[in-house]
């Protein structure tokens, strides 16, 4: 990840909690499994050992990813008074007559209620950022198709 990422406070806190878990308890648990498997003898044919080593590598990769995201992240301040779509806001859109509520954030966000998350780095999320009630925004989907949605409402969660 090369660009700064804007996160809600909740998403930032979730990543910090995941990092703490992975770099303490999970790391120790994996190390114990490696030691246990190592005690069983021949490492060349020891599936438990290889599985634990693979898990260790995946865990360490995820730790590095989280550290990088947190290092570059900025935490958004939700400003409902602006009326603009921003990180941490709930936007109601009209997509060809279908109304949908979306939380603008990151995949770590877990808004309450029946609200889907649209990532701020997704084409739709980028198009919605800064839009106001009544605006129509367009964006290009992953297949190259142009989409248009109307912003019906913008509010804080």
Protein backbone atom coordinates (compact mmCIF):
# COMPACT_ATOMS: atom_id res chain seq x y z
CA UNK A 1 0.00 0.00 0.00
CA UNK A 2 1.59 3.23 -1.08
CA UNK A 3 -1.10 5.85 -0.41
CA UNK A 4 -2.42 7.10 2.89
CA UNK A 5 -5.68 5.51 3.90
CA UNK A 6 -8.46 7.24 5.77
CA UNK A 7 -10.04 5.05 8.44
CA UNK A 8 -12.83 5.56 10.92
CA UNK A 9 -11.78 5.45 14.56
CA UNK A 10 -13.59 2.11 14.87
CA UNK A 11 -11.67 0.58 11.95
CA UNK A 12 -8.38 1.94 13.30
CA UNK A 13 -9.12 0.43 16.72
CA UNK A 14 -10.04 -2.94 15.18
CA UNK A 15 -6.75 -3.04 13.30
CA UNK A 16 -4.83 -2.14 16.47
CA UNK A 17 -6.62 -4.94 18.34
CA UNK A 18 -5.89 -7.44 15.55
CA UNK A 19 -2.24 -6.40 15.51
CA UNK A 20 -1.96 -6.85 19.26
CA UNK A 21 -3.57 -10.31 19.09
CA UNK A 22 -1.42 -11.47 16.17
CA UNK A 23 1.84 -10.18 17.60
CA UNK A 24 1.29 -11.60 21.08
CA UNK A 25 -1.15 -14.46 21.73
CA UNK A 26 -1.36 -15.87 18.20
CA UNK A 27 2.40 -15.60 17.64
CA UNK A 28 3.02 -17.49 20.90
CA UNK A 29 0.40 -20.12 20.03
CA UNK A 30 1.98 -20.77 16.61
CA UNK A 31 5.47 -20.92 18.13
CA UNK A 32 4.24 -23.52 20.64
CA UNK A 33 2.74 -25.61 17.81
CA UNK A 34 6.04 -25.45 15.91
CA UNK A 35 7.95 -26.60 18.99
CA UNK A 36 5.47 -29.41 19.62
CA UNK A 37 5.66 -30.59 16.02
CA UNK A 38 9.46 -30.31 16.05
CA UNK A 39 9.56 -32.68 19.04
CA UNK A 40 7.92 -35.39 16.89
CA UNK A 41 11.12 -35.98 14.97
CA UNK A 42 11.92 -35.93 11.26
CA UNK A 43 10.93 -32.49 9.96
CA UNK A 44 10.98 -33.46 6.27
CA UNK A 45 7.85 -35.58 6.60
CA UNK A 46 6.21 -33.73 9.48
CA UNK A 47 2.94 -32.21 8.18
CA UNK A 48 2.14 -30.55 11.52
CA UNK A 49 5.48 -28.75 11.47
CA UNK A 50 5.06 -27.52 7.89
CA UNK A 51 1.47 -26.41 8.52
CA UNK A 52 2.53 -24.44 11.60
CA UNK A 53 5.45 -22.86 9.73
CA UNK A 54 3.07 -21.85 6.90
CA UNK A 55 0.67 -20.33 9.42
CA UNK A 56 3.58 -18.49 11.03
CA UNK A 57 4.52 -16.97 7.68
CA UNK A 58 0.94 -15.88 6.97
CA UNK A 59 0.63 -14.37 10.44
CA UNK A 60 3.89 -12.43 10.09
CA UNK A 61 2.78 -11.16 6.65
CA UNK A 62 -0.52 -9.95 8.11
CA UNK A 63 1.32 -8.24 10.99
CA UNK A 64 3.47 -6.35 8.48
CA UNK A 65 0.39 -5.37 6.43
CA UNK A 66 -1.44 -4.04 9.49
CA UNK A 67 1.62 -2.15 10.73
CA UNK A 68 1.99 -0.52 7.31
CA UNK A 69 -1.70 0.44 7.14
CA UNK A 70 -1.68 1.90 10.64
CA UNK A 71 1.55 3.79 9.98
CA UNK A 72 0.09 5.47 6.90
CA UNK A 73 -3.50 5.81 8.12
CA UNK A 74 -5.30 8.94 9.09
CA UNK A 75 -8.37 8.77 11.30
CA UNK A 76 -11.40 10.62 9.94
CA UNK A 77 -13.53 12.99 11.90
CA UNK A 78 -17.20 12.50 11.03
CA UNK A 79 -18.70 15.91 10.20
CA UNK A 80 -22.43 15.45 9.70
CA UNK A 81 -23.03 19.21 9.54
CA UNK A 82 -21.22 19.51 6.18
CA UNK A 83 -23.88 17.49 4.39
CA UNK A 84 -21.13 15.91 2.31
CA UNK A 85 -20.37 12.23 1.99
CA UNK A 86 -17.23 11.46 3.95
CA UNK A 87 -15.53 8.55 5.65
CA UNK A 88 -17.71 7.27 8.48
CA UNK A 89 -20.97 8.60 7.02
CA UNK A 90 -24.06 6.70 5.94
CA UNK A 91 -25.28 7.62 2.49
CA UNK A 92 -28.59 6.61 0.96
CA UNK A 93 -28.38 6.19 -2.80
CA UNK A 94 -30.92 5.65 -5.54
CA UNK A 95 -29.64 3.23 -8.16
CA UNK A 96 -32.24 3.06 -10.97
CA UNK A 97 -35.12 3.11 -8.48
CA UNK A 98 -33.48 0.81 -5.93
CA UNK A 99 -32.68 2.61 -2.69
CA UNK A 100 -29.74 1.39 -0.65
CA UNK A 101 -27.97 2.59 2.50
CA UNK A 102 -24.19 2.38 2.51
CA UNK A 103 -21.60 3.06 5.17
CA UNK A 104 -18.60 4.79 3.60
CA UNK A 105 -15.49 3.34 5.20
CA UNK A 106 -13.16 0.37 5.04
CA UNK A 107 -13.65 -3.38 5.29
CA UNK A 108 -12.72 -3.24 8.98
CA UNK A 109 -15.79 -1.12 9.70
CA UNK A 110 -18.79 -2.95 11.06
CA UNK A 111 -21.69 -0.51 11.14
CA UNK A 112 -24.81 -1.37 13.08
CA UNK A 113 -28.05 -2.17 11.34
CA UNK A 114 -28.79 -3.25 7.80
CA UNK A 115 -26.06 -1.20 6.14
CA UNK A 116 -23.48 -2.43 3.67
CA UNK A 117 -19.96 -1.00 3.62
CA UNK A 118 -18.61 0.67 0.51
CA UNK A 119 -14.85 1.08 0.61
CA UNK A 120 -13.46 4.58 0.20
CA UNK A 121 -10.92 3.23 -2.28
CA UNK A 122 -13.55 1.48 -4.43
CA UNK A 123 -14.76 3.22 -7.60
CA UNK A 124 -18.18 3.89 -6.04
CA UNK A 125 -16.66 5.04 -2.76
CA UNK A 126 -14.33 7.47 -4.53
CA UNK A 127 -17.24 8.86 -6.58
CA UNK A 128 -19.41 9.35 -3.48
CA UNK A 129 -16.77 11.16 -1.40
CA UNK A 130 -17.66 14.85 -1.26
CA UNK A 131 -21.09 14.43 -2.86
CA UNK A 132 -24.15 16.04 -1.26
CA UNK A 133 -27.84 15.19 -1.06
CA UNK A 134 -29.33 15.54 -4.55
CA UNK A 135 -26.02 15.02 -6.39
CA UNK A 136 -25.74 12.37 -9.07
CA UNK A 137 -22.35 10.68 -9.27
CA UNK A 138 -20.93 8.40 -11.92
CA UNK A 139 -18.21 5.80 -11.68
CA UNK A 140 -16.73 3.03 -13.78
CA UNK A 141 -17.20 -0.48 -12.41
CA UNK A 142 -14.63 -3.27 -12.54
CA UNK A 143 -15.87 -4.49 -15.92
CA UNK A 144 -15.63 -1.04 -17.49
CA UNK A 145 -19.37 -0.33 -17.27
CA UNK A 146 -20.38 3.23 -16.35
CA UNK A 147 -22.76 3.48 -13.37
CA UNK A 148 -24.77 6.42 -12.10
CA UNK A 149 -26.33 6.79 -8.65
CA UNK A 150 -28.17 9.65 -6.97
CA UNK A 151 -27.39 10.67 -3.40
CA UNK A 152 -30.72 10.71 -1.54
CA UNK A 153 -29.44 11.37 1.99
CA UNK A 154 -26.21 11.77 3.96
CA UNK A 155 -26.04 11.31 7.72
CA UNK A 156 -23.82 10.33 10.60
CA UNK A 157 -24.25 6.77 11.88
